[in-house]
Amino acid sequence: MTTLHRTFKKLCDPRINRKKKHKLSDIIILSIPAVPCGAESWDSIELFGKTNLSFLKQFPELKHGIPSHDTINRVFSMLNPHHFERLFME
């Protein structure tokens, strides 16, 4: 488990348990490197993940592959932005 995974485990996952396929920390860990690499939309974060899948597979937490852009969008829209920012800045 990476330092980022440990940090974002502290973030409350607002999703319903039975609807969780991807871990919240995996979605966040996918998104963080995607943005400085040029991702400007949920679609481009998904594309970044698919393009870099061989690299991302080194993280054992990423069991279900790359989440869809709809999932990434839905998850980020439900997060508390202040809590996310505080953890991101740690």
PDB file of N, CA and C in Angstrom:
ATOM      1  N   MET A   1       0.846  -1.178   0.000  1.00  0.00           N
ATOM      2  CA  MET A   1       0.000   0.000   0.000  1.00  0.00           C
ATOM      3  C   MET A   1       0.893   1.244   0.000  1.00  0.00           C
ATOM      4  N   THR A   2       0.587   2.183  -0.854  1.00  0.00           N
ATOM      5  CA  THR A   2       1.385   3.399  -0.972  1.00  0.00           C
ATOM      6  C   THR A   2       0.989   4.415   0.100  1.00  0.00           C
ATOM      7  N   THR A   3       1.830   5.421   0.259  1.00  0.00           N
ATOM      8  CA  THR A   3       1.523   6.509   1.192  1.00  0.00           C
ATOM      9  C   THR A   3       0.223   7.198   0.795  1.00  0.00           C
ATOM     10  N   LEU A   4       0.018   7.380  -0.506  1.00  0.00           N
ATOM     11  CA  LEU A   4      -1.231   8.004  -0.961  1.00  0.00           C
ATOM     12  C   LEU A   4      -2.447   7.155  -0.596  1.00  0.00           C
ATOM     13  N   HIS A   5      -2.332   5.831  -0.740  1.00  0.00           N
ATOM     14  CA  HIS A   5      -3.447   4.959  -0.355  1.00  0.00           C
ATOM     15  C   HIS A   5      -3.747   5.128   1.132  1.00  0.00           C
ATOM     16  N   ARG A   6      -2.699   5.135   1.960  1.00  0.00           N
ATOM     17  CA  ARG A   6      -2.907   5.289   3.404  1.00  0.00           C
ATOM     18  C   ARG A   6      -3.543   6.642   3.724  1.00  0.00           C
ATOM     19  N   THR A   7      -3.076   7.682   3.059  1.00  0.00           N
ATOM     20  CA  THR A   7      -3.618   9.024   3.305  1.00  0.00           C
ATOM     21  C   THR A   7      -5.094   9.090   2.944  1.00  0.00           C
ATOM     22  N   PHE A   8      -5.451   8.601   1.776  1.00  0.00           N
ATOM     23  CA  PHE A   8      -6.834   8.737   1.319  1.00  0.00           C
ATOM     24  C   PHE A   8      -7.771   7.688   1.904  1.00  0.00           C
ATOM     25  N   LYS A   9      -7.246   6.726   2.659  1.00  0.00           N
ATOM     26  CA  LYS A   9      -8.116   5.804   3.403  1.00  0.00           C
ATOM     27  C   LYS A   9      -8.878   6.576   4.479  1.00  0.00           C
ATOM     28  N   LYS A  10      -8.348   7.738   4.870  1.00  0.00           N
ATOM     29  CA  LYS A  10      -8.989   8.577   5.892  1.00  0.00           C
ATOM     30  C   LYS A  10     -10.208   9.310   5.337  1.00  0.00           C
ATOM     31  N   LEU A  11     -10.348   9.343   4.028  1.00  0.00           N
ATOM     32  CA  LEU A  11     -11.454  10.050   3.386  1.00  0.00           C
ATOM     33  C   LEU A  11     -12.714   9.192   3.448  1.00  0.00           C
ATOM     34  N   CYS A  12     -13.803   9.789   3.874  1.00  0.00           N
ATOM     35  CA  CYS A  12     -15.077   9.074   3.977  1.00  0.00           C
ATOM     36  C   CYS A  12     -15.610   8.773   2.573  1.00  0.00           C
ATOM     37  N   ASP A  13     -15.910   7.505   2.336  1.00  0.00           N
ATOM     38  CA  ASP A  13     -16.464   7.085   1.048  1.00  0.00           C
ATOM     39  C   ASP A  13     -17.983   7.210   1.124  1.00  0.00           C
ATOM     40  N   PRO A  14     -18.580   8.140   0.379  1.00  0.00           N
ATOM     41  CA  PRO A  14     -20.021   8.386   0.476  1.00  0.00           C
ATOM     42  C   PRO A  14     -20.891   7.386  -0.288  1.00  0.00           C
ATOM     43  N   ARG A  15     -20.282   6.438  -0.969  1.00  0.00           N
ATOM     44  CA  ARG A  15     -21.057   5.505  -1.793  1.00  0.00           C
ATOM     45  C   ARG A  15     -21.716   4.422  -0.940  1.00  0.00           C
ATOM     46  N   ILE A  16     -22.761   3.824  -1.483  1.00  0.00           N
ATOM     47  CA  ILE A  16     -23.444   2.701  -0.849  1.00  0.00           C
ATOM     48  C   ILE A  16     -22.550   1.471  -0.991  1.00  0.00           C
ATOM     49  N   ASN A  17     -22.371   0.730   0.088  1.00  0.00           N
ATOM     50  CA  ASN A  17     -21.443  -0.409   0.087  1.00  0.00           C
ATOM     51  C   ASN A  17     -21.686  -1.400  -1.040  1.00  0.00           C
ATOM     52  N   ARG A  18     -22.918  -1.737  -1.303  1.00  0.00           N
ATOM     53  CA  ARG A  18     -23.196  -2.769  -2.314  1.00  0.00           C
ATOM     54  C   ARG A  18     -22.914  -2.298  -3.737  1.00  0.00           C
ATOM     55  N   LYS A  19     -22.703  -1.000  -3.923  1.00  0.00           N
ATOM     56  CA  LYS A  19     -22.449  -0.472  -5.260  1.00  0.00           C
ATOM     57  C   LYS A  19     -20.977  -0.151  -5.495  1.00  0.00           C
ATOM     58  N   LYS A  20     -20.118  -0.554  -4.579  1.00  0.00           N
ATOM     59  CA  LYS A  20     -18.693  -0.239  -4.705  1.00  0.00           C
ATOM     60  C   LYS A  20     -17.968  -1.361  -5.439  1.00  0.00           C
ATOM     61  N   LYS A  21     -17.495  -1.082  -6.625  1.00  0.00           N
ATOM     62  CA  LYS A  21     -16.659  -2.038  -7.351  1.00  0.00           C
ATOM     63  C   LYS A  21     -15.193  -1.651  -7.180  1.00  0.00           C
ATOM     64  N   HIS A  22     -14.916  -0.355  -7.263  1.00  0.00           N
ATOM     65  CA  HIS A  22     -13.556   0.169  -7.146  1.00  0.00           C
ATOM     66  C   HIS A  22     -13.400   0.847  -5.794  1.00  0.00           C
ATOM     67  N   LYS A  23     -12.237   0.675  -5.191  1.00  0.00           N
ATOM     68  CA  LYS A  23     -11.960   1.355  -3.934  1.00  0.00           C
ATOM     69  C   LYS A  23     -11.834   2.853  -4.185  1.00  0.00           C
ATOM     70  N   LEU A  24     -12.308   3.622  -3.225  1.00  0.00           N
ATOM     71  CA  LEU A  24     -12.211   5.077  -3.322  1.00  0.00           C
ATOM     72  C   LEU A  24     -10.759   5.502  -3.510  1.00  0.00           C
ATOM     73  N   SER A  25      -9.862   4.920  -2.738  1.00  0.00           N
ATOM     74  CA  SER A  25      -8.447   5.301  -2.841  1.00  0.00           C
ATOM     75  C   SER A  25      -7.892   5.005  -4.231  1.00  0.00           C
ATOM     76  N   ASP A  26      -8.342   3.946  -4.881  1.00  0.00           N
ATOM     77  CA  ASP A  26      -7.876   3.635  -6.240  1.00  0.00           C
ATOM     78  C   ASP A  26      -8.309   4.705  -7.242  1.00  0.00           C
ATOM     79  N   ILE A  27      -9.534   5.174  -7.104  1.00  0.00           N
ATOM     80  CA  ILE A  27     -10.039   6.206  -8.013  1.00  0.00           C
ATOM     81  C   ILE A  27      -9.237   7.487  -7.833  1.00  0.00           C
ATOM     82  N   ILE A  28      -8.950   7.819  -6.595  1.00  0.00           N
ATOM     83  CA  ILE A  28      -8.177   9.029  -6.319  1.00  0.00           C
ATOM     84  C   ILE A  28      -6.741   8.872  -6.797  1.00  0.00           C
ATOM     85  N   ILE A  29      -6.127   7.718  -6.509  1.00  0.00           N
ATOM     86  CA  ILE A  29      -4.735   7.475  -6.911  1.00  0.00           C
ATOM     87  C   ILE A  29      -4.607   7.494  -8.434  1.00  0.00           C
ATOM     88  N   LEU A  30      -5.597   7.037  -9.150  1.00  0.00           N
ATOM     89  CA  LEU A  30      -5.601   7.106 -10.611  1.00  0.00           C
ATOM     90  C   LEU A  30      -5.667   8.557 -11.079  1.00  0.00           C
ATOM     91  N   SER A  31      -6.483   9.353 -10.423  1.00  0.00           N
ATOM     92  CA  SER A  31      -6.728  10.729 -10.861  1.00  0.00           C
ATOM     93  C   SER A  31      -5.564  11.667 -10.588  1.00  0.00           C
ATOM     94  N   ILE A  32      -4.853  11.462  -9.502  1.00  0.00           N
ATOM     95  CA  ILE A  32      -3.781  12.391  -9.120  1.00  0.00           C
ATOM     96  C   ILE A  32      -2.692  12.497 -10.185  1.00  0.00           C
ATOM     97  N   PRO A  33      -2.118  11.412 -10.693  1.00  0.00           N
ATOM     98  CA  PRO A  33      -1.093  11.589 -11.733  1.00  0.00           C
ATOM     99  C   PRO A  33      -1.683  11.947 -13.099  1.00  0.00           C
ATOM    100  N   ALA A  34      -2.956  11.639 -13.312  1.00  0.00           N
ATOM    101  CA  ALA A  34      -3.570  11.921 -14.615  1.00  0.00           C
ATOM    102  C   ALA A  34      -3.648  13.421 -14.888  1.00  0.00           C
ATOM    103  N   VAL A  35      -3.971  14.197 -13.872  1.00  0.00           N
ATOM    104  CA  VAL A  35      -4.169  15.639 -14.072  1.00  0.00           C
ATOM    105  C   VAL A  35      -2.880  16.349 -14.486  1.00  0.00           C
ATOM    106  N   PRO A  36      -1.749  16.179 -13.778  1.00  0.00           N
ATOM    107  CA  PRO A  36      -0.531  16.847 -14.249  1.00  0.00           C
ATOM    108  C   PRO A  36      -0.031  16.312 -15.596  1.00  0.00           C
ATOM    109  N   CYS A  37      -0.518  15.137 -15.980  1.00  0.00           N
ATOM    110  CA  CYS A  37      -0.141  14.578 -17.287  1.00  0.00           C
ATOM    111  C   CYS A  37      -1.076  15.060 -18.394  1.00  0.00           C
ATOM    112  N   GLY A  38      -1.963  15.997 -18.075  1.00  0.00           N
ATOM    113  CA  GLY A  38      -2.787  16.612 -19.106  1.00  0.00           C
ATOM    114  C   GLY A  38      -4.261  16.265 -19.088  1.00  0.00           C
ATOM    115  N   ALA A  39      -4.696  15.396 -18.182  1.00  0.00           N
ATOM    116  CA  ALA A  39      -6.119  15.040 -18.134  1.00  0.00           C
ATOM    117  C   ALA A  39      -6.936  16.241 -17.663  1.00  0.00           C
ATOM    118  N   GLU A  40      -7.933  16.597 -18.455  1.00  0.00           N
ATOM    119  CA  GLU A  40      -8.780  17.749 -18.133  1.00  0.00           C
ATOM    120  C   GLU A  40     -10.256  17.379 -18.043  1.00  0.00           C
ATOM    121  N   SER A  41     -10.551  16.088 -18.108  1.00  0.00           N
ATOM    122  CA  SER A  41     -11.942  15.646 -18.022  1.00  0.00           C
ATOM    123  C   SER A  41     -11.957  14.244 -17.424  1.00  0.00           C
ATOM    124  N   TRP A  42     -13.152  13.799 -17.059  1.00  0.00           N
ATOM    125  CA  TRP A  42     -13.295  12.442 -16.516  1.00  0.00           C
ATOM    126  C   TRP A  42     -12.914  11.420 -17.590  1.00  0.00           C
ATOM    127  N   ASP A  43     -13.277  11.704 -18.834  1.00  0.00           N
ATOM    128  CA  ASP A  43     -12.915  10.813 -19.946  1.00  0.00           C
ATOM    129  C   ASP A  43     -11.400  10.686 -20.074  1.00  0.00           C
ATOM    130  N   SER A  44     -10.703  11.813 -19.943  1.00  0.00           N
ATOM    131  CA  SER A  44      -9.248  11.767 -20.114  1.00  0.00           C
ATOM    132  C   SER A  44      -8.558  11.102 -18.928  1.00  0.00           C
ATOM    133  N   ILE A  45      -9.165  11.145 -17.739  1.00  0.00           N
ATOM    134  CA  ILE A  45      -8.609  10.395 -16.604  1.00  0.00           C
ATOM    135  C   ILE A  45      -8.747   8.898 -16.880  1.00  0.00           C
ATOM    136  N   GLU A  46      -9.911   8.489 -17.378  1.00  0.00           N
ATOM    137  CA  GLU A  46     -10.109   7.077 -17.739  1.00  0.00           C
ATOM    138  C   GLU A  46      -9.114   6.664 -18.821  1.00  0.00           C
ATOM    139  N   LEU A  47      -8.946   7.484 -19.843  1.00  0.00           N
ATOM    140  CA  LEU A  47      -8.005   7.187 -20.922  1.00  0.00           C
ATOM    141  C   LEU A  47      -6.577   7.088 -20.387  1.00  0.00           C
ATOM    142  N   PHE A  48      -6.194   7.990 -19.494  1.00  0.00           N
ATOM    143  CA  PHE A  48      -4.874   7.929 -18.868  1.00  0.00           C
ATOM    144  C   PHE A  48      -4.689   6.575 -18.179  1.00  0.00           C
ATOM    145  N   GLY A  49      -5.707   6.146 -17.450  1.00  0.00           N
ATOM    146  CA  GLY A  49      -5.633   4.864 -16.756  1.00  0.00           C
ATOM    147  C   GLY A  49      -5.478   3.698 -17.710  1.00  0.00           C
ATOM    148  N   LYS A  50      -6.253   3.688 -18.770  1.00  0.00           N
ATOM    149  CA  LYS A  50      -6.178   2.591 -19.746  1.00  0.00           C
ATOM    150  C   LYS A  50      -4.852   2.601 -20.491  1.00  0.00           C
ATOM    151  N   THR A  51      -4.350   3.788 -20.803  1.00  0.00           N
ATOM    152  CA  THR A  51      -3.084   3.915 -21.522  1.00  0.00           C
ATOM    153  C   THR A  51      -1.903   3.485 -20.661  1.00  0.00           C
ATOM    154  N   ASN A  52      -2.002   3.707 -19.363  1.00  0.00           N
ATOM    155  CA  ASN A  52      -0.904   3.421 -18.439  1.00  0.00           C
ATOM    156  C   ASN A  52      -1.204   2.229 -17.539  1.00  0.00           C
ATOM    157  N   LEU A  53      -2.063   1.342 -18.001  1.00  0.00           N
ATOM    158  CA  LEU A  53      -2.496   0.212 -17.184  1.00  0.00           C
ATOM    159  C   LEU A  53      -1.336  -0.658 -16.726  1.00  0.00           C
ATOM    160  N   SER A  54      -0.365  -0.906 -17.589  1.00  0.00           N
ATOM    161  CA  SER A  54       0.759  -1.767 -17.185  1.00  0.00           C
ATOM    162  C   SER A  54       1.520  -1.149 -16.016  1.00  0.00           C
ATOM    163  N   PHE A  55       1.676   0.168 -16.009  1.00  0.00           N
ATOM    164  CA  PHE A  55       2.325   0.849 -14.886  1.00  0.00           C
ATOM    165  C   PHE A  55       1.435   0.802 -13.647  1.00  0.00           C
ATOM    166  N   LEU A  56       0.160   1.086 -13.816  1.00  0.00           N
ATOM    167  CA  LEU A  56      -0.757   1.163 -12.685  1.00  0.00           C
ATOM    168  C   LEU A  56      -1.006  -0.191 -12.032  1.00  0.00           C
ATOM    169  N   LYS A  57      -0.820  -1.271 -12.777  1.00  0.00           N
ATOM    170  CA  LYS A  57      -1.048  -2.609 -12.219  1.00  0.00           C
ATOM    171  C   LYS A  57      -0.035  -2.985 -11.146  1.00  0.00           C
ATOM    172  N   GLN A  58       1.030  -2.201 -11.008  1.00  0.00           N
ATOM    173  CA  GLN A  58       1.994  -2.488  -9.952  1.00  0.00           C
ATOM    174  C   GLN A  58       1.409  -2.189  -8.572  1.00  0.00           C
ATOM    175  N   PHE A  59       0.294  -1.459  -8.546  1.00  0.00           N
ATOM    176  CA  PHE A  59      -0.373  -1.176  -7.289  1.00  0.00           C
ATOM    177  C   PHE A  59      -1.408  -2.268  -7.053  1.00  0.00           C
ATOM    178  N   PRO A  60      -1.175  -3.152  -6.083  1.00  0.00           N
ATOM    179  CA  PRO A  60      -2.049  -4.315  -5.892  1.00  0.00           C
ATOM    180  C   PRO A  60      -3.481  -3.959  -5.516  1.00  0.00           C
ATOM    181  N   GLU A  61      -3.714  -2.736  -5.115  1.00  0.00           N
ATOM    182  CA  GLU A  61      -5.063  -2.332  -4.740  1.00  0.00           C
ATOM    183  C   GLU A  61      -5.993  -2.235  -5.953  1.00  0.00           C
ATOM    184  N   LEU A  62      -5.442  -2.049  -7.130  1.00  0.00           N
ATOM    185  CA  LEU A  62      -6.234  -1.815  -8.345  1.00  0.00           C
ATOM    186  C   LEU A  62      -6.709  -3.156  -8.923  1.00  0.00           C
ATOM    187  N   LYS A  63      -7.630  -3.814  -8.210  1.00  0.00           N
ATOM    188  CA  LYS A  63      -8.048  -5.177  -8.555  1.00  0.00           C
ATOM    189  C   LYS A  63      -9.028  -5.258  -9.720  1.00  0.00           C
ATOM    190  N   HIS A  64      -9.838  -4.238  -9.899  1.00  0.00           N
ATOM    191  CA  HIS A  64     -10.913  -4.310 -10.897  1.00  0.00           C
ATOM    192  C   HIS A  64     -10.640  -3.460 -12.128  1.00  0.00           C
ATOM    193  N   GLY A  65      -9.383  -3.210 -12.391  1.00  0.00           N
ATOM    194  CA  GLY A  65      -9.043  -2.433 -13.575  1.00  0.00           C
ATOM    195  C   GLY A  65      -9.327  -0.953 -13.398  1.00  0.00           C
ATOM    196  N   ILE A  66      -9.480  -0.274 -14.508  1.00  0.00           N
ATOM    197  CA  ILE A  66      -9.677   1.171 -14.517  1.00  0.00           C
ATOM    198  C   ILE A  66     -11.173   1.483 -14.447  1.00  0.00           C
ATOM    199  N   PRO A  67     -11.578   2.326 -13.505  1.00  0.00           N
ATOM    200  CA  PRO A  67     -12.993   2.697 -13.441  1.00  0.00           C
ATOM    201  C   PRO A  67     -13.396   3.550 -14.648  1.00  0.00           C
ATOM    202  N   SER A  68     -14.658   3.508 -14.980  1.00  0.00           N
ATOM    203  CA  SER A  68     -15.156   4.301 -16.114  1.00  0.00           C
ATOM    204  C   SER A  68     -15.168   5.782 -15.752  1.00  0.00           C
ATOM    205  N   HIS A  69     -15.227   6.608 -16.789  1.00  0.00           N
ATOM    206  CA  HIS A  69     -15.299   8.054 -16.559  1.00  0.00           C
ATOM    207  C   HIS A  69     -16.558   8.423 -15.777  1.00  0.00           C
ATOM    208  N   ASP A  70     -17.641   7.680 -15.979  1.00  0.00           N
ATOM    209  CA  ASP A  70     -18.873   7.946 -15.227  1.00  0.00           C
ATOM    210  C   ASP A  70     -18.676   7.674 -13.738  1.00  0.00           C
ATOM    211  N   THR A  71     -17.982   6.584 -13.421  1.00  0.00           N
ATOM    212  CA  THR A  71     -17.701   6.255 -12.023  1.00  0.00           C
ATOM    213  C   THR A  71     -16.807   7.313 -11.394  1.00  0.00           C
ATOM    214  N   ILE A  72     -15.759   7.705 -12.100  1.00  0.00           N
ATOM    215  CA  ILE A  72     -14.839   8.724 -11.585  1.00  0.00           C
ATOM    216  C   ILE A  72     -15.606  10.017 -11.314  1.00  0.00           C
ATOM    217  N   ASN A  73     -16.424  10.437 -12.257  1.00  0.00           N
ATOM    218  CA  ASN A  73     -17.235  11.645 -12.103  1.00  0.00           C
ATOM    219  C   ASN A  73     -18.163  11.529 -10.902  1.00  0.00           C
ATOM    220  N   ARG A  74     -18.883  10.439 -10.814  1.00  0.00           N
ATOM    221  CA  ARG A  74     -19.855  10.233  -9.738  1.00  0.00           C
ATOM    222  C   ARG A  74     -19.177  10.285  -8.369  1.00  0.00           C
ATOM    223  N   VAL A  75     -18.036   9.610  -8.258  1.00  0.00           N
ATOM    224  CA  VAL A  75     -17.334   9.565  -6.976  1.00  0.00           C
ATOM    225  C   VAL A  75     -16.842  10.953  -6.574  1.00  0.00           C
ATOM    226  N   PHE A  76     -16.186  11.656  -7.491  1.00  0.00           N
ATOM    227  CA  PHE A  76     -15.675  12.984  -7.146  1.00  0.00           C
ATOM    228  C   PHE A  76     -16.800  13.970  -6.842  1.00  0.00           C
ATOM    229  N   SER A  77     -17.947  13.812  -7.485  1.00  0.00           N
ATOM    230  CA  SER A  77     -19.060  14.733  -7.219  1.00  0.00           C
ATOM    231  C   SER A  77     -19.660  14.508  -5.835  1.00  0.00           C
ATOM    232  N   MET A  78     -19.438  13.336  -5.245  1.00  0.00           N
ATOM    233  CA  MET A  78     -19.977  13.038  -3.919  1.00  0.00           C
ATOM    234  C   MET A  78     -19.001  13.352  -2.786  1.00  0.00           C
ATOM    235  N   LEU A  79     -17.740  13.580  -3.101  1.00  0.00           N
ATOM    236  CA  LEU A  79     -16.739  13.808  -2.055  1.00  0.00           C
ATOM    237  C   LEU A  79     -16.883  15.182  -1.414  1.00  0.00           C
ATOM    238  N   ASN A  80     -16.480  15.256  -0.163  1.00  0.00           N
ATOM    239  CA  ASN A  80     -16.398  16.534   0.533  1.00  0.00           C
ATOM    240  C   ASN A  80     -15.125  17.228   0.050  1.00  0.00           C
ATOM    241  N   PRO A  81     -15.239  18.320  -0.705  1.00  0.00           N
ATOM    242  CA  PRO A  81     -14.047  18.938  -1.296  1.00  0.00           C
ATOM    243  C   PRO A  81     -13.067  19.486  -0.265  1.00  0.00           C
ATOM    244  N   HIS A  82     -13.567  19.951   0.876  1.00  0.00           N
ATOM    245  CA  HIS A  82     -12.676  20.502   1.901  1.00  0.00           C
ATOM    246  C   HIS A  82     -11.845  19.399   2.551  1.00  0.00           C
ATOM    247  N   HIS A  83     -12.484  18.275   2.828  1.00  0.00           N
ATOM    248  CA  HIS A  83     -11.763  17.140   3.414  1.00  0.00           C
ATOM    249  C   HIS A  83     -10.744  16.585   2.412  1.00  0.00           C
ATOM    250  N   PHE A  84     -11.143  16.478   1.150  1.00  0.00           N
ATOM    251  CA  PHE A  84     -10.232  15.998   0.111  1.00  0.00           C
ATOM    252  C   PHE A  84      -9.012  16.913   0.014  1.00  0.00           C
ATOM    253  N   GLU A  85      -9.242  18.205  -0.027  1.00  0.00           N
ATOM    254  CA  GLU A  85      -8.129  19.160  -0.143  1.00  0.00           C
ATOM    255  C   GLU A  85      -7.181  19.056   1.049  1.00  0.00           C
ATOM    256  N   ARG A  86      -7.737  18.949   2.239  1.00  0.00           N
ATOM    257  CA  ARG A  86      -6.905  18.843   3.445  1.00  0.00           C
ATOM    258  C   ARG A  86      -6.018  17.599   3.380  1.00  0.00           C
ATOM    259  N   LEU A  87      -6.583  16.464   2.984  1.00  0.00           N
ATOM    260  CA  LEU A  87      -5.784  15.239   2.873  1.00  0.00           C
ATOM    261  C   LEU A  87      -4.759  15.351   1.751  1.00  0.00           C
ATOM    262  N   PHE A  88      -5.143  15.951   0.645  1.00  0.00           N
ATOM    263  CA  PHE A  88      -4.233  16.107  -0.487  1.00  0.00           C
ATOM    264  C   PHE A  88      -3.015  16.940  -0.104  1.00  0.00           C
ATOM    265  N   MET A  89      -3.221  17.924   0.745  1.00  0.00           N
ATOM    266  CA  MET A  89      -2.134  18.819   1.136  1.00  0.00           C
ATOM    267  C   MET A  89      -1.248  18.239   2.238  1.00  0.00           C
ATOM    268  N   GLU A  90      -1.644  17.101   2.840  1.00  0.00           N
ATOM    269  CA  GLU A  90      -0.822  16.483   3.904  1.00  0.00           C
ATOM    270  C   GLU A  90       0.529  16.069   3.385  1.00  0.00           C
TER     271      GLU A  90
END
